[in-house]
Amino acid sequence: MGNLAYSVDKTRLEEGFREFGTVVSAQVIMDRETGRSKGFGFVEMGSDGEAQAAISAMNGKSFDGRNLTVNEARPQEPRSGGFGGGMRRSGPGGGRRGPTSGGGDRY
């Protein structure tokens, strides 16, 4: 779900969704650097029926002063660019490191 108020924590999220069934887990995504909420999170319900009831009831509803966007989670798509994994190659010799970094291909 998105558009969570930055004050919402895991406990508050669980409380807000309990009326629709068993909350198996709740998570608010936090920024690693600041430790503050990123404004979105995930709730896992006990059954598909409970999940659909929660989505229908909570999508667009005001929750702690903000209108939520609630939908079924989709698998995360692979990211491109930036740091953090994947193999990079540039040109015929592969991505070569500078002379002070030990050389070799970057992965």
PDB file of N, CA and C in Angstrom:
ATOM      1  N   MET A   1       0.833  -1.171   0.000  1.00  0.00           N
ATOM      2  CA  MET A   1       0.000   0.000   0.000  1.00  0.00           C
ATOM      3  C   MET A   1       0.877   1.231   0.000  1.00  0.00           C
ATOM      4  N   GLY A   2       0.361   2.281  -0.543  1.00  0.00           N
ATOM      5  CA  GLY A   2       1.121   3.512  -0.620  1.00  0.00           C
ATOM      6  C   GLY A   2       0.374   4.674  -0.008  1.00  0.00           C
ATOM      7  N   ASN A   3       1.073   5.766   0.107  1.00  0.00           N
ATOM      8  CA  ASN A   3       0.578   7.021   0.668  1.00  0.00           C
ATOM      9  C   ASN A   3       0.304   6.928   2.163  1.00  0.00           C
ATOM     10  N   LEU A   4       1.096   6.107   2.853  1.00  0.00           N
ATOM     11  CA  LEU A   4       0.977   6.021   4.310  1.00  0.00           C
ATOM     12  C   LEU A   4       1.497   7.306   4.947  1.00  0.00           C
ATOM     13  N   ALA A   5       0.845   7.721   5.999  1.00  0.00           N
ATOM     14  CA  ALA A   5       1.375   8.832   6.787  1.00  0.00           C
ATOM     15  C   ALA A   5       2.713   8.383   7.375  1.00  0.00           C
ATOM     16  N   TYR A   6       3.673   9.289   7.442  1.00  0.00           N
ATOM     17  CA  TYR A   6       5.002   8.929   7.936  1.00  0.00           C
ATOM     18  C   TYR A   6       4.992   8.512   9.403  1.00  0.00           C
ATOM     19  N   SER A   7       3.926   8.822  10.116  1.00  0.00           N
ATOM     20  CA  SER A   7       3.816   8.444  11.528  1.00  0.00           C
ATOM     21  C   SER A   7       3.327   7.009  11.723  1.00  0.00           C
ATOM     22  N   VAL A   8       2.826   6.367  10.663  1.00  0.00           N
ATOM     23  CA  VAL A   8       2.288   5.003  10.772  1.00  0.00           C
ATOM     24  C   VAL A   8       3.436   4.010  10.938  1.00  0.00           C
ATOM     25  N   ASP A   9       3.319   3.162  11.964  1.00  0.00           N
ATOM     26  CA  ASP A   9       4.308   2.113  12.182  1.00  0.00           C
ATOM     27  C   ASP A   9       3.629   0.753  12.000  1.00  0.00           C
ATOM     28  N   LYS A  10       4.390  -0.317  12.192  1.00  0.00           N
ATOM     29  CA  LYS A  10       3.897  -1.679  12.006  1.00  0.00           C
ATOM     30  C   LYS A  10       2.653  -1.955  12.852  1.00  0.00           C
ATOM     31  N   THR A  11       2.686  -1.569  14.109  1.00  0.00           N
ATOM     32  CA  THR A  11       1.571  -1.820  15.022  1.00  0.00           C
ATOM     33  C   THR A  11       0.304  -1.117  14.543  1.00  0.00           C
ATOM     34  N   ARG A  12       0.438   0.128  14.134  1.00  0.00           N
ATOM     35  CA  ARG A  12      -0.727   0.892  13.649  1.00  0.00           C
ATOM     36  C   ARG A  12      -1.288   0.263  12.381  1.00  0.00           C
ATOM     37  N   LEU A  13      -0.416  -0.212  11.519  1.00  0.00           N
ATOM     38  CA  LEU A  13      -0.849  -0.855  10.278  1.00  0.00           C
ATOM     39  C   LEU A  13      -1.636  -2.124  10.590  1.00  0.00           C
ATOM     40  N   GLU A  14      -1.128  -2.940  11.515  1.00  0.00           N
ATOM     41  CA  GLU A  14      -1.837  -4.154  11.925  1.00  0.00           C
ATOM     42  C   GLU A  14      -3.217  -3.817  12.476  1.00  0.00           C
ATOM     43  N   GLU A  15      -3.283  -2.816  13.339  1.00  0.00           N
ATOM     44  CA  GLU A  15      -4.566  -2.411  13.935  1.00  0.00           C
ATOM     45  C   GLU A  15      -5.567  -2.002  12.869  1.00  0.00           C
ATOM     46  N   GLY A  16      -5.104  -1.273  11.869  1.00  0.00           N
ATOM     47  CA  GLY A  16      -5.992  -0.770  10.829  1.00  0.00           C
ATOM     48  C   GLY A  16      -6.568  -1.853   9.931  1.00  0.00           C
ATOM     49  N   PHE A  17      -5.894  -2.975   9.820  1.00  0.00           N
ATOM     50  CA  PHE A  17      -6.346  -4.031   8.918  1.00  0.00           C
ATOM     51  C   PHE A  17      -6.960  -5.229   9.628  1.00  0.00           C
ATOM     52  N   ARG A  18      -6.890  -5.263  10.949  1.00  0.00           N
ATOM     53  CA  ARG A  18      -7.409  -6.392  11.719  1.00  0.00           C
ATOM     54  C   ARG A  18      -8.905  -6.606  11.528  1.00  0.00           C
ATOM     55  N   GLU A  19      -9.648  -5.553  11.274  1.00  0.00           N
ATOM     56  CA  GLU A  19     -11.097  -5.699  11.132  1.00  0.00           C
ATOM     57  C   GLU A  19     -11.486  -6.523   9.901  1.00  0.00           C
ATOM     58  N   PHE A  20     -10.552  -6.776   8.980  1.00  0.00           N
ATOM     59  CA  PHE A  20     -10.845  -7.530   7.767  1.00  0.00           C
ATOM     60  C   PHE A  20     -10.412  -8.989   7.858  1.00  0.00           C
ATOM     61  N   GLY A  21      -9.794  -9.374   8.991  1.00  0.00           N
ATOM     62  CA  GLY A  21      -9.383 -10.754   9.184  1.00  0.00           C
ATOM     63  C   GLY A  21      -8.046 -10.842   9.890  1.00  0.00           C
ATOM     64  N   THR A  22      -7.412 -11.990   9.747  1.00  0.00           N
ATOM     65  CA  THR A  22      -6.137 -12.248  10.406  1.00  0.00           C
ATOM     66  C   THR A  22      -5.008 -11.532   9.668  1.00  0.00           C
ATOM     67  N   VAL A  23      -4.280 -10.706  10.390  1.00  0.00           N
ATOM     68  CA  VAL A  23      -3.096 -10.060   9.824  1.00  0.00           C
ATOM     69  C   VAL A  23      -1.907 -10.966  10.130  1.00  0.00           C
ATOM     70  N   VAL A  24      -1.371 -11.610   9.096  1.00  0.00           N
ATOM     71  CA  VAL A  24      -0.242 -12.520   9.254  1.00  0.00           C
ATOM     72  C   VAL A  24       1.034 -11.717   9.491  1.00  0.00           C
ATOM     73  N   SER A  25       1.205 -10.637   8.738  1.00  0.00           N
ATOM     74  CA  SER A  25       2.368  -9.774   8.924  1.00  0.00           C
ATOM     75  C   SER A  25       2.053  -8.383   8.393  1.00  0.00           C
ATOM     76  N   ALA A  26       2.759  -7.424   8.940  1.00  0.00           N
ATOM     77  CA  ALA A  26       2.643  -6.034   8.486  1.00  0.00           C
ATOM     78  C   ALA A  26       4.041  -5.437   8.510  1.00  0.00           C
ATOM     79  N   GLN A  27       4.343  -4.641   7.504  1.00  0.00           N
ATOM     80  CA  GLN A  27       5.675  -4.051   7.407  1.00  0.00           C
ATOM     81  C   GLN A  27       5.573  -2.660   6.802  1.00  0.00           C
ATOM     82  N   VAL A  28       6.210  -1.707   7.444  1.00  0.00           N
ATOM     83  CA  VAL A  28       6.352  -0.362   6.899  1.00  0.00           C
ATOM     84  C   VAL A  28       7.786  -0.263   6.394  1.00  0.00           C
ATOM     85  N   ILE A  29       7.959   0.159   5.156  1.00  0.00           N
ATOM     86  CA  ILE A  29       9.288   0.234   4.563  1.00  0.00           C
ATOM     87  C   ILE A  29       9.976   1.506   5.050  1.00  0.00           C
ATOM     88  N   MET A  30      11.189   1.312   5.585  1.00  0.00           N
ATOM     89  CA  MET A  30      11.941   2.416   6.178  1.00  0.00           C
ATOM     90  C   MET A  30      13.137   2.779   5.303  1.00  0.00           C
ATOM     91  N   ASP A  31      13.494   4.046   5.314  1.00  0.00           N
ATOM     92  CA  ASP A  31      14.681   4.521   4.622  1.00  0.00           C
ATOM     93  C   ASP A  31      15.911   4.108   5.420  1.00  0.00           C
ATOM     94  N   ARG A  32      16.871   3.460   4.788  1.00  0.00           N
ATOM     95  CA  ARG A  32      18.052   2.975   5.505  1.00  0.00           C
ATOM     96  C   ARG A  32      18.890   4.102   6.091  1.00  0.00           C
ATOM     97  N   GLU A  33      18.984   5.191   5.379  1.00  0.00           N
ATOM     98  CA  GLU A  33      19.844   6.287   5.830  1.00  0.00           C
ATOM     99  C   GLU A  33      19.231   7.114   6.950  1.00  0.00           C
ATOM    100  N   THR A  34      17.935   7.413   6.833  1.00  0.00           N
ATOM    101  CA  THR A  34      17.311   8.303   7.812  1.00  0.00           C
ATOM    102  C   THR A  34      16.557   7.555   8.909  1.00  0.00           C
ATOM    103  N   GLY A  35      16.184   6.290   8.641  1.00  0.00           N
ATOM    104  CA  GLY A  35      15.400   5.537   9.606  1.00  0.00           C
ATOM    105  C   GLY A  35      13.932   5.933   9.629  1.00  0.00           C
ATOM    106  N   ARG A  36      13.519   6.786   8.695  1.00  0.00           N
ATOM    107  CA  ARG A  36      12.124   7.232   8.614  1.00  0.00           C
ATOM    108  C   ARG A  36      11.347   6.409   7.601  1.00  0.00           C
ATOM    109  N   SER A  37      10.045   6.374   7.755  1.00  0.00           N
ATOM    110  CA  SER A  37       9.176   5.670   6.825  1.00  0.00           C
ATOM    111  C   SER A  37       9.306   6.253   5.423  1.00  0.00           C
ATOM    112  N   LYS A  38       9.204   5.372   4.429  1.00  0.00           N
ATOM    113  CA  LYS A  38       9.189   5.817   3.034  1.00  0.00           C
ATOM    114  C   LYS A  38       7.761   6.073   2.555  1.00  0.00           C
ATOM    115  N   GLY A  39       6.770   5.812   3.408  1.00  0.00           N
ATOM    116  CA  GLY A  39       5.384   6.096   3.055  1.00  0.00           C
ATOM    117  C   GLY A  39       4.660   4.951   2.365  1.00  0.00           C
ATOM    118  N   PHE A  40       5.248   3.757   2.407  1.00  0.00           N
ATOM    119  CA  PHE A  40       4.526   2.609   1.872  1.00  0.00           C
ATOM    120  C   PHE A  40       4.862   1.367   2.688  1.00  0.00           C
ATOM    121  N   GLY A  41       4.038   0.332   2.503  1.00  0.00           N
ATOM    122  CA  GLY A  41       4.240  -0.873   3.282  1.00  0.00           C
ATOM    123  C   GLY A  41       3.462  -2.036   2.722  1.00  0.00           C
ATOM    124  N   PHE A  42       3.489  -3.138   3.463  1.00  0.00           N
ATOM    125  CA  PHE A  42       2.845  -4.368   3.039  1.00  0.00           C
ATOM    126  C   PHE A  42       2.099  -4.976   4.222  1.00  0.00           C
ATOM    127  N   VAL A  43       0.930  -5.552   3.925  1.00  0.00           N
ATOM    128  CA  VAL A  43       0.165  -6.303   4.916  1.00  0.00           C
ATOM    129  C   VAL A  43      -0.176  -7.640   4.280  1.00  0.00           C
ATOM    130  N   GLU A  44       0.105  -8.722   4.988  1.00  0.00           N
ATOM    131  CA  GLU A  44      -0.250 -10.059   4.522  1.00  0.00           C
ATOM    132  C   GLU A  44      -1.423 -10.538   5.358  1.00  0.00           C
ATOM    133  N   MET A  45      -2.518 -10.877   4.678  1.00  0.00           N
ATOM    134  CA  MET A  45      -3.722 -11.326   5.361  1.00  0.00           C
ATOM    135  C   MET A  45      -3.775 -12.853   5.370  1.00  0.00           C
ATOM    136  N   GLY A  46      -4.638 -13.423   6.223  1.00  0.00           N
ATOM    137  CA  GLY A  46      -4.735 -14.855   6.411  1.00  0.00           C
ATOM    138  C   GLY A  46      -5.296 -15.628   5.235  1.00  0.00           C
ATOM    139  N   SER A  47      -6.084 -14.982   4.370  1.00  0.00           N
ATOM    140  CA  SER A  47      -6.655 -15.672   3.208  1.00  0.00           C
ATOM    141  C   SER A  47      -6.834 -14.669   2.071  1.00  0.00           C
ATOM    142  N   ASP A  48      -7.039 -15.208   0.869  1.00  0.00           N
ATOM    143  CA  ASP A  48      -7.278 -14.341  -0.287  1.00  0.00           C
ATOM    144  C   ASP A  48      -8.552 -13.528  -0.103  1.00  0.00           C
ATOM    145  N   GLY A  49      -9.573 -14.154   0.478  1.00  0.00           N
ATOM    146  CA  GLY A  49     -10.830 -13.445   0.702  1.00  0.00           C
ATOM    147  C   GLY A  49     -10.664 -12.266   1.644  1.00  0.00           C
ATOM    148  N   GLU A  50      -9.894 -12.478   2.721  1.00  0.00           N
ATOM    149  CA  GLU A  50      -9.629 -11.377   3.656  1.00  0.00           C
ATOM    150  C   GLU A  50      -8.821 -10.276   2.985  1.00  0.00           C
ATOM    151  N   ALA A  51      -7.869 -10.676   2.159  1.00  0.00           N
ATOM    152  CA  ALA A  51      -7.047  -9.687   1.452  1.00  0.00           C
ATOM    153  C   ALA A  51      -7.903  -8.855   0.505  1.00  0.00           C
ATOM    154  N   GLN A  52      -8.781  -9.516  -0.246  1.00  0.00           N
ATOM    155  CA  GLN A  52      -9.647  -8.783  -1.174  1.00  0.00           C
ATOM    156  C   GLN A  52     -10.603  -7.845  -0.435  1.00  0.00           C
ATOM    157  N   ALA A  53     -11.109  -8.278   0.712  1.00  0.00           N
ATOM    158  CA  ALA A  53     -11.985  -7.423   1.516  1.00  0.00           C
ATOM    159  C   ALA A  53     -11.229  -6.186   1.995  1.00  0.00           C
ATOM    160  N   ALA A  54      -9.985  -6.381   2.427  1.00  0.00           N
ATOM    161  CA  ALA A  54      -9.175  -5.261   2.904  1.00  0.00           C
ATOM    162  C   ALA A  54      -8.853  -4.299   1.769  1.00  0.00           C
ATOM    163  N   ILE A  55      -8.509  -4.834   0.604  1.00  0.00           N
ATOM    164  CA  ILE A  55      -8.207  -3.979  -0.546  1.00  0.00           C
ATOM    165  C   ILE A  55      -9.426  -3.144  -0.909  1.00  0.00           C
ATOM    166  N   SER A  56     -10.586  -3.797  -1.029  1.00  0.00           N
ATOM    167  CA  SER A  56     -11.817  -3.093  -1.403  1.00  0.00           C
ATOM    168  C   SER A  56     -12.185  -2.005  -0.408  1.00  0.00           C
ATOM    169  N   ALA A  57     -12.040  -2.309   0.877  1.00  0.00           N
ATOM    170  CA  ALA A  57     -12.447  -1.363   1.914  1.00  0.00           C
ATOM    171  C   ALA A  57     -11.439  -0.232   2.131  1.00  0.00           C
ATOM    172  N   MET A  58     -10.157  -0.529   1.998  1.00  0.00           N
ATOM    173  CA  MET A  58      -9.137   0.458   2.385  1.00  0.00           C
ATOM    174  C   MET A  58      -8.595   1.298   1.230  1.00  0.00           C
ATOM    175  N   ASN A  59      -8.736   0.834  -0.015  1.00  0.00           N
ATOM    176  CA  ASN A  59      -8.217   1.613  -1.130  1.00  0.00           C
ATOM    177  C   ASN A  59      -8.974   2.933  -1.259  1.00  0.00           C
ATOM    178  N   GLY A  60      -8.252   4.025  -1.159  1.00  0.00           N
ATOM    179  CA  GLY A  60      -8.848   5.357  -1.231  1.00  0.00           C
ATOM    180  C   GLY A  60      -9.354   5.891   0.091  1.00  0.00           C
ATOM    181  N   LYS A  61      -9.354   5.047   1.131  1.00  0.00           N
ATOM    182  CA  LYS A  61      -9.858   5.453   2.449  1.00  0.00           C
ATOM    183  C   LYS A  61      -8.805   6.272   3.193  1.00  0.00           C
ATOM    184  N   SER A  62      -9.278   7.248   3.952  1.00  0.00           N
ATOM    185  CA  SER A  62      -8.378   8.048   4.786  1.00  0.00           C
ATOM    186  C   SER A  62      -7.912   7.204   5.967  1.00  0.00           C
ATOM    187  N   PHE A  63      -6.592   7.168   6.143  1.00  0.00           N
ATOM    188  CA  PHE A  63      -5.975   6.404   7.225  1.00  0.00           C
ATOM    189  C   PHE A  63      -4.916   7.302   7.836  1.00  0.00           C
ATOM    190  N   ASP A  64      -5.138   7.711   9.064  1.00  0.00           N
ATOM    191  CA  ASP A  64      -4.244   8.653   9.742  1.00  0.00           C
ATOM    192  C   ASP A  64      -3.994   9.911   8.904  1.00  0.00           C
ATOM    193  N   GLY A  65      -5.076  10.393   8.276  1.00  0.00           N
ATOM    194  CA  GLY A  65      -5.013  11.673   7.569  1.00  0.00           C
ATOM    195  C   GLY A  65      -4.596  11.615   6.110  1.00  0.00           C
ATOM    196  N   ARG A  66      -4.338  10.427   5.564  1.00  0.00           N
ATOM    197  CA  ARG A  66      -3.949  10.319   4.155  1.00  0.00           C
ATOM    198  C   ARG A  66      -4.778   9.239   3.478  1.00  0.00           C
ATOM    199  N   ASN A  67      -5.147   9.467   2.219  1.00  0.00           N
ATOM    200  CA  ASN A  67      -5.916   8.482   1.465  1.00  0.00           C
ATOM    201  C   ASN A  67      -4.983   7.406   0.925  1.00  0.00           C
ATOM    202  N   LEU A  68      -5.210   6.169   1.362  1.00  0.00           N
ATOM    203  CA  LEU A  68      -4.343   5.058   0.992  1.00  0.00           C
ATOM    204  C   LEU A  68      -4.547   4.608  -0.450  1.00  0.00           C
ATOM    205  N   THR A  69      -3.484   4.079  -1.022  1.00  0.00           N
ATOM    206  CA  THR A  69      -3.545   3.334  -2.271  1.00  0.00           C
ATOM    207  C   THR A  69      -3.239   1.893  -1.888  1.00  0.00           C
ATOM    208  N   VAL A  70      -4.230   1.020  -2.028  1.00  0.00           N
ATOM    209  CA  VAL A  70      -4.069  -0.375  -1.599  1.00  0.00           C
ATOM    210  C   VAL A  70      -4.347  -1.282  -2.794  1.00  0.00           C
ATOM    211  N   ASN A  71      -3.401  -2.158  -3.103  1.00  0.00           N
ATOM    212  CA  ASN A  71      -3.587  -3.134  -4.165  1.00  0.00           C
ATOM    213  C   ASN A  71      -2.766  -4.366  -3.852  1.00  0.00           C
ATOM    214  N   GLU A  72      -2.972  -5.408  -4.645  1.00  0.00           N
ATOM    215  CA  GLU A  72      -2.234  -6.641  -4.440  1.00  0.00           C
ATOM    216  C   GLU A  72      -0.778  -6.436  -4.839  1.00  0.00           C
ATOM    217  N   ALA A  73       0.120  -6.941  -4.019  1.00  0.00           N
ATOM    218  CA  ALA A  73       1.549  -6.788  -4.294  1.00  0.00           C
ATOM    219  C   ALA A  73       1.930  -7.580  -5.533  1.00  0.00           C
ATOM    220  N   ARG A  74       2.829  -6.992  -6.311  1.00  0.00           N
ATOM    221  CA  ARG A  74       3.382  -7.663  -7.487  1.00  0.00           C
ATOM    222  C   ARG A  74       4.852  -7.942  -7.231  1.00  0.00           C
ATOM    223  N   PRO A  75       5.410  -8.966  -7.869  1.00  0.00           N
ATOM    224  CA  PRO A  75       6.841  -9.238  -7.688  1.00  0.00           C
ATOM    225  C   PRO A  75       7.667  -8.034  -8.122  1.00  0.00           C
ATOM    226  N   GLN A  76       8.754  -7.784  -7.413  1.00  0.00           N
ATOM    227  CA  GLN A  76       9.622  -6.663  -7.740  1.00  0.00           C
ATOM    228  C   GLN A  76      10.314  -6.928  -9.064  1.00  0.00           C
ATOM    229  N   GLU A  77      10.315  -5.925  -9.937  1.00  0.00           N
ATOM    230  CA  GLU A  77      10.973  -6.064 -11.233  1.00  0.00           C
ATOM    231  C   GLU A  77      12.459  -5.809 -11.074  1.00  0.00           C
ATOM    232  N   PRO A  78      13.270  -6.486 -11.898  1.00  0.00           N
ATOM    233  CA  PRO A  78      14.717  -6.262 -11.815  1.00  0.00           C
ATOM    234  C   PRO A  78      15.061  -4.812 -12.098  1.00  0.00           C
ATOM    235  N   ARG A  79      16.034  -4.305 -11.391  1.00  0.00           N
ATOM    236  CA  ARG A  79      16.462  -2.927 -11.576  1.00  0.00           C
ATOM    237  C   ARG A  79      17.640  -2.891 -12.536  1.00  0.00           C
ATOM    238  N   SER A  80      17.799  -1.769 -13.194  1.00  0.00           N
ATOM    239  CA  SER A  80      18.960  -1.615 -14.064  1.00  0.00           C
ATOM    240  C   SER A  80      19.687  -0.343 -13.677  1.00  0.00           C
ATOM    241  N   GLY A  81      20.982  -0.330 -13.919  1.00  0.00           N
ATOM    242  CA  GLY A  81      21.784   0.854 -13.609  1.00  0.00           C
ATOM    243  C   GLY A  81      22.079   0.944 -12.128  1.00  0.00           C
ATOM    244  N   GLY A  82      22.845   1.929 -11.765  1.00  0.00           N
ATOM    245  CA  GLY A  82      23.183   2.156 -10.371  1.00  0.00           C
ATOM    246  C   GLY A  82      24.110   1.100  -9.827  1.00  0.00           C
ATOM    247  N   PHE A  83      24.163   0.983  -8.537  1.00  0.00           N
ATOM    248  CA  PHE A  83      25.039   0.027  -7.871  1.00  0.00           C
ATOM    249  C   PHE A  83      24.231  -1.171  -7.417  1.00  0.00           C
ATOM    250  N   GLY A  84      24.936  -2.231  -7.053  1.00  0.00           N
ATOM    251  CA  GLY A  84      24.251  -3.301  -6.347  1.00  0.00           C
ATOM    252  C   GLY A  84      23.926  -4.532  -7.142  1.00  0.00           C
ATOM    253  N   GLY A  85      24.797  -4.985  -7.994  1.00  0.00           N
ATOM    254  CA  GLY A  85      24.553  -6.281  -8.578  1.00  0.00           C
ATOM    255  C   GLY A  85      24.447  -6.261 -10.077  1.00  0.00           C
ATOM    256  N   GLY A  86      24.381  -7.450 -10.613  1.00  0.00           N
ATOM    257  CA  GLY A  86      24.335  -7.588 -12.052  1.00  0.00           C
ATOM    258  C   GLY A  86      25.725  -7.478 -12.642  1.00  0.00           C
ATOM    259  N   MET A  87      25.857  -7.947 -13.849  1.00  0.00           N
ATOM    260  CA  MET A  87      27.154  -7.877 -14.497  1.00  0.00           C
ATOM    261  C   MET A  87      27.170  -6.690 -15.435  1.00  0.00           C
ATOM    262  N   ARG A  88      28.264  -5.952 -15.435  1.00  0.00           N
ATOM    263  CA  ARG A  88      28.405  -4.799 -16.312  1.00  0.00           C
ATOM    264  C   ARG A  88      29.572  -5.041 -17.243  1.00  0.00           C
ATOM    265  N   ARG A  89      29.369  -4.716 -18.466  1.00  0.00           N
ATOM    266  CA  ARG A  89      30.457  -4.808 -19.426  1.00  0.00           C
ATOM    267  C   ARG A  89      30.437  -3.560 -20.289  1.00  0.00           C
ATOM    268  N   SER A  90      31.612  -3.074 -20.577  1.00  0.00           N
ATOM    269  CA  SER A  90      31.696  -1.914 -21.454  1.00  0.00           C
ATOM    270  C   SER A  90      32.756  -2.189 -22.508  1.00  0.00           C
ATOM    271  N   GLY A  91      32.333  -2.400 -23.719  1.00  0.00           N
ATOM    272  CA  GLY A  91      33.266  -2.640 -24.810  1.00  0.00           C
ATOM    273  C   GLY A  91      33.764  -4.069 -24.837  1.00  0.00           C
ATOM    274  N   PRO A  92      34.679  -4.353 -25.764  1.00  0.00           N
ATOM    275  CA  PRO A  92      35.132  -5.719 -25.986  1.00  0.00           C
ATOM    276  C   PRO A  92      35.865  -6.361 -24.817  1.00  0.00           C
ATOM    277  N   GLY A  93      36.555  -5.605 -23.988  1.00  0.00           N
ATOM    278  CA  GLY A  93      37.342  -6.205 -22.919  1.00  0.00           C
ATOM    279  C   GLY A  93      36.609  -6.352 -21.613  1.00  0.00           C
ATOM    280  N   GLY A  94      35.357  -6.012 -21.563  1.00  0.00           N
ATOM    281  CA  GLY A  94      34.638  -6.035 -20.301  1.00  0.00           C
ATOM    282  C   GLY A  94      34.899  -4.755 -19.537  1.00  0.00           C
ATOM    283  N   GLY A  95      34.233  -4.573 -18.420  1.00  0.00           N
ATOM    284  CA  GLY A  95      34.417  -3.366 -17.612  1.00  0.00           C
ATOM    285  C   GLY A  95      35.695  -3.479 -16.820  1.00  0.00           C
ATOM    286  N   ARG A  96      36.699  -2.776 -17.193  1.00  0.00           N
ATOM    287  CA  ARG A  96      37.988  -2.844 -16.494  1.00  0.00           C
ATOM    288  C   ARG A  96      38.058  -1.781 -15.419  1.00  0.00           C
ATOM    289  N   ARG A  97      38.605  -2.160 -14.290  1.00  0.00           N
ATOM    290  CA  ARG A  97      38.783  -1.216 -13.190  1.00  0.00           C
ATOM    291  C   ARG A  97      40.059  -0.430 -13.404  1.00  0.00           C
ATOM    292  N   GLY A  98      40.168   0.656 -12.718  1.00  0.00           N
ATOM    293  CA  GLY A  98      41.350   1.515 -12.834  1.00  0.00           C
ATOM    294  C   GLY A  98      42.580   0.835 -12.291  1.00  0.00           C
ATOM    295  N   PRO A  99      43.758   1.413 -12.565  1.00  0.00           N
ATOM    296  CA  PRO A  99      45.015   0.779 -12.184  1.00  0.00           C
ATOM    297  C   PRO A  99      45.196   0.598 -10.683  1.00  0.00           C
ATOM    298  N   THR A 100      44.520   1.382  -9.853  1.00  0.00           N
ATOM    299  CA  THR A 100      44.710   1.245  -8.406  1.00  0.00           C
ATOM    300  C   THR A 100      43.691   0.308  -7.769  1.00  0.00           C
ATOM    301  N   SER A 101      42.733  -0.197  -8.556  1.00  0.00           N
ATOM    302  CA  SER A 101      41.685  -1.017  -7.951  1.00  0.00           C
ATOM    303  C   SER A 101      41.878  -2.503  -8.164  1.00  0.00           C
ATOM    304  N   GLY A 102      42.964  -2.914  -8.796  1.00  0.00           N
ATOM    305  CA  GLY A 102      43.214  -4.335  -8.922  1.00  0.00           C
ATOM    306  C   GLY A 102      42.794  -4.948 -10.251  1.00  0.00           C
ATOM    307  N   GLY A 103      42.164  -4.194 -11.126  1.00  0.00           N
ATOM    308  CA  GLY A 103      41.789  -4.703 -12.452  1.00  0.00           C
ATOM    309  C   GLY A 103      40.701  -5.755 -12.377  1.00  0.00           C
ATOM    310  N   GLY A 104      40.384  -6.327 -13.515  1.00  0.00           N
ATOM    311  CA  GLY A 104      39.375  -7.390 -13.568  1.00  0.00           C
ATOM    312  C   GLY A 104      38.014  -6.870 -13.970  1.00  0.00           C
ATOM    313  N   ASP A 105      37.123  -7.799 -14.291  1.00  0.00           N
ATOM    314  CA  ASP A 105      35.769  -7.436 -14.671  1.00  0.00           C
ATOM    315  C   ASP A 105      34.943  -7.083 -13.444  1.00  0.00           C
ATOM    316  N   ARG A 106      34.000  -6.171 -13.638  1.00  0.00           N
ATOM    317  CA  ARG A 106      33.096  -5.766 -12.559  1.00  0.00           C
ATOM    318  C   ARG A 106      31.857  -6.632 -12.575  1.00  0.00           C
ATOM    319  N   TYR A 107      31.455  -7.102 -11.414  1.00  0.00           N
ATOM    320  CA  TYR A 107      30.224  -7.875 -11.293  1.00  0.00           C
ATOM    321  C   TYR A 107      29.364  -7.317 -10.199  1.00  0.00           C
TER     322      TYR A 107
END
